[in-house]
């Protein structure tokens, strides 16, 4: 296939941009929740 990520996005059309944005938001929320949960667990162990 040999598409660069930008070419892949162009071939995907306009629907790819909301998917990428939503994916970025989801990954950000998951990372934040993992950090929060780890901090809460550490503070409860004290």
C-alpha atoms as a PDB file:
ATOM      1  CA  UNK A   1       0.000   0.000   0.000  1.00  0.00           C
ATOM      2  CA  UNK A   2       2.751   2.447   0.955  1.00  0.00           C
ATOM      3  CA  UNK A   3       0.640   5.376   2.131  1.00  0.00           C
ATOM      4  CA  UNK A   4       2.060   7.950   4.478  1.00  0.00           C
ATOM      5  CA  UNK A   5      -0.188   8.885   7.401  1.00  0.00           C
ATOM      6  CA  UNK A   6      -1.150  12.158   5.700  1.00  0.00           C
ATOM      7  CA  UNK A   7      -1.998  10.394   2.438  1.00  0.00           C
ATOM      8  CA  UNK A   8      -4.048   7.889   4.410  1.00  0.00           C
ATOM      9  CA  UNK A   9      -6.035  10.757   5.955  1.00  0.00           C
ATOM     10  CA  UNK A  10      -6.610  12.401   2.581  1.00  0.00           C
ATOM     11  CA  UNK A  11      -7.868   9.138   1.095  1.00  0.00           C
ATOM     12  CA  UNK A  12     -10.161   8.633   4.091  1.00  0.00           C
ATOM     13  CA  UNK A  13     -11.971  11.868   3.423  1.00  0.00           C
ATOM     14  CA  UNK A  14     -13.609  14.290   5.784  1.00  0.00           C
ATOM     15  CA  UNK A  15     -14.855  11.572   8.164  1.00  0.00           C
ATOM     16  CA  UNK A  16     -11.280  10.746   9.207  1.00  0.00           C
ATOM     17  CA  UNK A  17     -10.692  14.070  10.997  1.00  0.00           C
ATOM     18  CA  UNK A  18     -13.493  13.658  13.575  1.00  0.00           C
ATOM     19  CA  UNK A  19     -12.382  10.060  14.145  1.00  0.00           C
ATOM     20  CA  UNK A  20      -8.812  11.200  14.833  1.00  0.00           C
ATOM     21  CA  UNK A  21      -9.988  14.032  17.085  1.00  0.00           C
ATOM     22  CA  UNK A  22     -12.282  11.709  19.037  1.00  0.00           C
ATOM     23  CA  UNK A  23      -9.511   9.121  19.359  1.00  0.00           C
ATOM     24  CA  UNK A  24      -7.141  11.751  20.723  1.00  0.00           C
ATOM     25  CA  UNK A  25      -9.730  12.867  23.281  1.00  0.00           C
ATOM     26  CA  UNK A  26     -10.393   9.279  24.375  1.00  0.00           C
ATOM     27  CA  UNK A  27      -6.678   8.507  24.794  1.00  0.00           C
ATOM     28  CA  UNK A  28      -6.233  11.728  26.795  1.00  0.00           C
ATOM     29  CA  UNK A  29      -9.136  10.860  29.106  1.00  0.00           C
ATOM     30  CA  UNK A  30      -7.880   7.301  29.634  1.00  0.00           C
ATOM     31  CA  UNK A  31      -4.387   8.535  30.537  1.00  0.00           C
ATOM     32  CA  UNK A  32      -5.838  11.118  32.932  1.00  0.00           C
ATOM     33  CA  UNK A  33      -8.031   8.486  34.612  1.00  0.00           C
ATOM     34  CA  UNK A  34      -5.090   6.092  35.013  1.00  0.00           C
ATOM     35  CA  UNK A  35      -2.991   8.820  36.627  1.00  0.00           C
ATOM     36  CA  UNK A  36      -5.882   9.835  38.908  1.00  0.00           C
ATOM     37  CA  UNK A  37      -6.551   6.245  39.963  1.00  0.00           C
ATOM     38  CA  UNK A  38      -2.862   5.603  40.657  1.00  0.00           C
ATOM     39  CA  UNK A  39      -2.602   8.749  42.792  1.00  0.00           C
ATOM     40  CA  UNK A  40      -5.770   7.898  44.718  1.00  0.00           C
ATOM     41  CA  UNK A  41      -4.553   4.361  45.392  1.00  0.00           C
ATOM     42  CA  UNK A  42      -1.197   5.675  46.573  1.00  0.00           C
ATOM     43  CA  UNK A  43      -2.786   8.237  48.902  1.00  0.00           C
ATOM     44  CA  UNK A  44      -5.138   5.624  50.411  1.00  0.00           C
ATOM     45  CA  UNK A  45      -2.231   3.292  51.185  1.00  0.00           C
ATOM     46  CA  UNK A  46      -0.711   5.839  53.578  1.00  0.00           C
END
